[in-house]
Amino acid sequence: MIDTIIEGKDIIGFSPWGKIDRATRRLEGVWFVSTPSHGGFWLSKDRQVEYGGGEWHEEDCEAPKVAKFFGLTPDPRN
């Protein structure tokens, strides 16, 4: 686990919920991030097109939908 998303040309250390404490790559272009207060999924541009949604997906509302779509558990800590 790392504190930065590095996927292709994308290098991301911050999320909508603050500085990333932990980033776990779940699939190519699909990362789960945790911050001190919250977390969720980040999707690459290709995965956004595949999913039909945006870049960030909050863990309480959108992350379960993203996880189900890609056949993952909502949170890698569980």
N, C-alpha and C. Protein backbone atom coordinates (compact mmCIF):
# COMPACT_ATOMS: atom_id res chain seq x y z
N MET A 1 0.84 -1.18 0.00
CA MET A 1 0.00 0.00 0.00
C MET A 1 0.89 1.25 0.00
N ILE A 2 0.45 2.24 -0.75
CA ILE A 2 1.21 3.47 -0.87
C ILE A 2 0.30 4.66 -0.58
N ASP A 3 0.90 5.85 -0.51
CA ASP A 3 0.10 7.04 -0.22
C ASP A 3 -0.11 7.91 -1.44
N THR A 4 0.17 7.36 -2.62
CA THR A 4 0.00 8.08 -3.88
C THR A 4 -0.50 7.11 -4.93
N ILE A 5 -1.43 7.58 -5.76
CA ILE A 5 -1.88 6.79 -6.90
C ILE A 5 -0.95 7.10 -8.06
N ILE A 6 -0.35 6.07 -8.65
CA ILE A 6 0.46 6.23 -9.85
C ILE A 6 -0.10 5.26 -10.88
N GLU A 7 -0.77 5.82 -11.88
CA GLU A 7 -1.43 5.02 -12.90
C GLU A 7 -1.21 5.70 -14.24
N GLY A 8 -0.35 5.12 -15.07
CA GLY A 8 -0.02 5.75 -16.34
C GLY A 8 0.61 7.12 -16.10
N LYS A 9 0.03 8.15 -16.69
CA LYS A 9 0.54 9.51 -16.52
C LYS A 9 -0.05 10.21 -15.30
N ASP A 10 -1.00 9.55 -14.64
CA ASP A 10 -1.65 10.15 -13.46
C ASP A 10 -0.84 9.88 -12.21
N ILE A 11 -0.54 10.94 -11.46
CA ILE A 11 0.10 10.84 -10.15
C ILE A 11 -0.74 11.69 -9.21
N ILE A 12 -1.40 11.03 -8.25
CA ILE A 12 -2.38 11.70 -7.40
C ILE A 12 -2.05 11.45 -5.93
N GLY A 13 -1.90 12.51 -5.16
CA GLY A 13 -1.62 12.41 -3.73
C GLY A 13 -2.74 12.96 -2.87
N PHE A 14 -3.73 13.59 -3.52
CA PHE A 14 -4.85 14.17 -2.79
C PHE A 14 -6.16 13.66 -3.37
N SER A 15 -7.16 13.58 -2.53
CA SER A 15 -8.50 13.16 -2.93
C SER A 15 -9.49 14.25 -2.53
N PRO A 16 -10.75 14.12 -2.90
CA PRO A 16 -11.74 15.10 -2.44
C PRO A 16 -11.88 15.12 -0.91
N TRP A 17 -11.38 14.08 -0.24
CA TRP A 17 -11.50 13.96 1.22
C TRP A 17 -10.21 14.32 1.93
N GLY A 18 -9.21 14.79 1.20
CA GLY A 18 -7.95 15.20 1.80
C GLY A 18 -6.77 14.39 1.30
N LYS A 19 -5.63 14.56 1.98
CA LYS A 19 -4.40 13.86 1.61
C LYS A 19 -4.59 12.36 1.76
N ILE A 20 -4.13 11.62 0.79
CA ILE A 20 -4.27 10.16 0.81
C ILE A 20 -3.29 9.56 1.80
N ASP A 21 -3.82 8.77 2.73
CA ASP A 21 -2.98 8.02 3.67
C ASP A 21 -2.58 6.67 3.09
N ARG A 22 -3.51 6.07 2.36
CA ARG A 22 -3.27 4.73 1.82
C ARG A 22 -4.01 4.60 0.49
N ALA A 23 -3.30 4.13 -0.53
CA ALA A 23 -3.90 3.87 -1.83
C ALA A 23 -3.63 2.41 -2.19
N THR A 24 -4.67 1.68 -2.49
CA THR A 24 -4.56 0.27 -2.81
C THR A 24 -5.11 0.03 -4.21
N ARG A 25 -4.24 -0.44 -5.10
CA ARG A 25 -4.67 -0.73 -6.47
C ARG A 25 -5.49 -2.01 -6.48
N ARG A 26 -6.74 -1.90 -6.91
CA ARG A 26 -7.64 -3.05 -6.92
C ARG A 26 -7.64 -3.73 -8.29
N LEU A 27 -7.60 -2.95 -9.33
CA LEU A 27 -7.49 -3.39 -10.72
C LEU A 27 -6.75 -2.30 -11.46
N GLU A 28 -6.32 -2.56 -12.68
CA GLU A 28 -5.73 -1.50 -13.47
C GLU A 28 -6.73 -0.36 -13.60
N GLY A 29 -6.34 0.82 -13.16
CA GLY A 29 -7.20 1.98 -13.25
C GLY A 29 -8.26 2.09 -12.18
N VAL A 30 -8.24 1.20 -11.18
CA VAL A 30 -9.23 1.23 -10.08
C VAL A 30 -8.46 1.15 -8.76
N TRP A 31 -8.51 2.23 -7.99
CA TRP A 31 -7.81 2.33 -6.71
C TRP A 31 -8.79 2.65 -5.60
N PHE A 32 -8.53 2.08 -4.42
CA PHE A 32 -9.28 2.47 -3.22
C PHE A 32 -8.34 3.32 -2.39
N VAL A 33 -8.81 4.51 -1.97
CA VAL A 33 -7.98 5.41 -1.17
C VAL A 33 -8.62 5.64 0.20
N SER A 34 -7.75 5.83 1.18
CA SER A 34 -8.19 6.18 2.53
C SER A 34 -7.49 7.47 2.93
N THR A 35 -8.22 8.31 3.66
CA THR A 35 -7.68 9.54 4.22
C THR A 35 -7.92 9.49 5.73
N PRO A 36 -7.44 10.45 6.50
CA PRO A 36 -7.71 10.43 7.93
C PRO A 36 -9.21 10.42 8.26
N SER A 37 -10.03 10.98 7.36
CA SER A 37 -11.45 11.07 7.69
C SER A 37 -12.38 10.26 6.80
N HIS A 38 -11.93 9.86 5.62
CA HIS A 38 -12.86 9.22 4.69
C HIS A 38 -12.10 8.48 3.61
N GLY A 39 -12.81 8.10 2.54
CA GLY A 39 -12.16 7.41 1.44
C GLY A 39 -13.12 7.06 0.34
N GLY A 40 -12.61 6.28 -0.61
CA GLY A 40 -13.43 5.83 -1.72
C GLY A 40 -12.58 5.39 -2.89
N PHE A 41 -13.22 5.18 -4.02
CA PHE A 41 -12.53 4.73 -5.22
C PHE A 41 -12.12 5.90 -6.11
N TRP A 42 -10.98 5.75 -6.75
CA TRP A 42 -10.55 6.61 -7.84
C TRP A 42 -10.53 5.76 -9.10
N LEU A 43 -11.05 6.29 -10.21
CA LEU A 43 -11.05 5.59 -11.49
C LEU A 43 -10.25 6.38 -12.52
N SER A 44 -9.45 5.65 -13.30
CA SER A 44 -8.73 6.27 -14.41
C SER A 44 -9.73 6.71 -15.47
N LYS A 45 -9.28 7.48 -16.44
CA LYS A 45 -10.17 7.94 -17.50
C LYS A 45 -10.80 6.77 -18.26
N ASP A 46 -10.01 5.74 -18.56
CA ASP A 46 -10.56 4.56 -19.26
C ASP A 46 -11.62 3.86 -18.41
N ARG A 47 -11.35 3.73 -17.11
CA ARG A 47 -12.33 3.08 -16.23
C ARG A 47 -13.57 3.94 -16.04
N GLN A 48 -13.41 5.27 -16.06
CA GLN A 48 -14.57 6.15 -15.97
C GLN A 48 -15.50 5.92 -17.16
N VAL A 49 -14.91 5.78 -18.34
CA VAL A 49 -15.71 5.52 -19.54
C VAL A 49 -16.40 4.17 -19.43
N GLU A 50 -15.65 3.16 -19.00
CA GLU A 50 -16.21 1.81 -18.84
C GLU A 50 -17.36 1.80 -17.83
N TYR A 51 -17.17 2.49 -16.71
CA TYR A 51 -18.18 2.52 -15.65
C TYR A 51 -19.33 3.46 -15.98
N GLY A 52 -19.03 4.51 -16.72
CA GLY A 52 -20.05 5.51 -17.03
C GLY A 52 -20.23 6.53 -15.93
N GLY A 53 -19.13 6.80 -15.21
CA GLY A 53 -19.21 7.75 -14.10
C GLY A 53 -17.94 8.53 -13.96
N GLY A 54 -17.83 9.29 -12.87
CA GLY A 54 -16.73 10.21 -12.65
C GLY A 54 -15.47 9.59 -12.09
N GLU A 55 -14.58 10.48 -11.68
CA GLU A 55 -13.25 10.10 -11.22
C GLU A 55 -13.25 9.57 -9.78
N TRP A 56 -14.00 10.20 -8.87
CA TRP A 56 -13.98 9.85 -7.44
C TRP A 56 -15.35 9.32 -7.02
N HIS A 57 -15.34 8.29 -6.14
CA HIS A 57 -16.58 7.64 -5.70
C HIS A 57 -16.49 7.37 -4.20
N GLU A 58 -17.24 8.14 -3.44
CA GLU A 58 -17.23 8.16 -1.98
C GLU A 58 -17.62 6.79 -1.40
N GLU A 59 -16.92 6.40 -0.32
CA GLU A 59 -17.04 5.04 0.21
C GLU A 59 -18.42 4.67 0.75
N ASP A 60 -19.19 5.62 1.24
CA ASP A 60 -20.49 5.29 1.82
C ASP A 60 -21.60 5.14 0.80
N CYS A 61 -21.52 5.89 -0.30
CA CYS A 61 -22.63 5.89 -1.27
C CYS A 61 -22.27 5.24 -2.60
N GLU A 62 -21.25 5.74 -3.24
CA GLU A 62 -20.93 5.31 -4.60
C GLU A 62 -19.99 4.11 -4.67
N ALA A 63 -19.09 3.96 -3.69
CA ALA A 63 -18.10 2.88 -3.76
C ALA A 63 -18.71 1.49 -3.88
N PRO A 64 -19.79 1.19 -3.16
CA PRO A 64 -20.39 -0.15 -3.34
C PRO A 64 -20.87 -0.41 -4.77
N LYS A 65 -21.36 0.62 -5.45
CA LYS A 65 -21.80 0.48 -6.84
C LYS A 65 -20.61 0.22 -7.76
N VAL A 66 -19.52 0.96 -7.52
CA VAL A 66 -18.31 0.77 -8.31
C VAL A 66 -17.76 -0.63 -8.08
N ALA A 67 -17.69 -1.04 -6.81
CA ALA A 67 -17.17 -2.36 -6.47
C ALA A 67 -17.99 -3.46 -7.15
N LYS A 68 -19.28 -3.35 -7.08
CA LYS A 68 -20.14 -4.37 -7.70
C LYS A 68 -19.92 -4.41 -9.21
N PHE A 69 -19.83 -3.26 -9.84
CA PHE A 69 -19.63 -3.19 -11.29
C PHE A 69 -18.35 -3.91 -11.70
N PHE A 70 -17.27 -3.71 -10.93
CA PHE A 70 -15.98 -4.30 -11.27
C PHE A 70 -15.74 -5.65 -10.57
N GLY A 71 -16.71 -6.16 -9.82
CA GLY A 71 -16.57 -7.45 -9.16
C GLY A 71 -15.61 -7.44 -7.98
N LEU A 72 -15.60 -6.35 -7.21
CA LEU A 72 -14.70 -6.18 -6.08
C LEU A 72 -15.47 -6.04 -4.78
N THR A 73 -14.76 -6.16 -3.65
CA THR A 73 -15.35 -5.79 -2.36
C THR A 73 -15.28 -4.27 -2.27
N PRO A 74 -16.23 -3.62 -1.59
CA PRO A 74 -16.24 -2.16 -1.53
C PRO A 74 -14.99 -1.55 -0.90
N ASP A 75 -14.43 -2.19 0.10
CA ASP A 75 -13.30 -1.63 0.84
C ASP A 75 -12.28 -2.74 1.05
N PRO A 76 -11.04 -2.58 0.56
CA PRO A 76 -10.04 -3.64 0.70
C PRO A 76 -9.64 -3.95 2.13
N ARG A 77 -10.04 -3.09 3.09
CA ARG A 77 -9.72 -3.36 4.49
C ARG A 77 -10.66 -4.41 5.06
N ASN A 78 -11.76 -4.70 4.36
CA ASN A 78 -12.74 -5.67 4.85
C ASN A 78 -12.57 -7.02 4.18
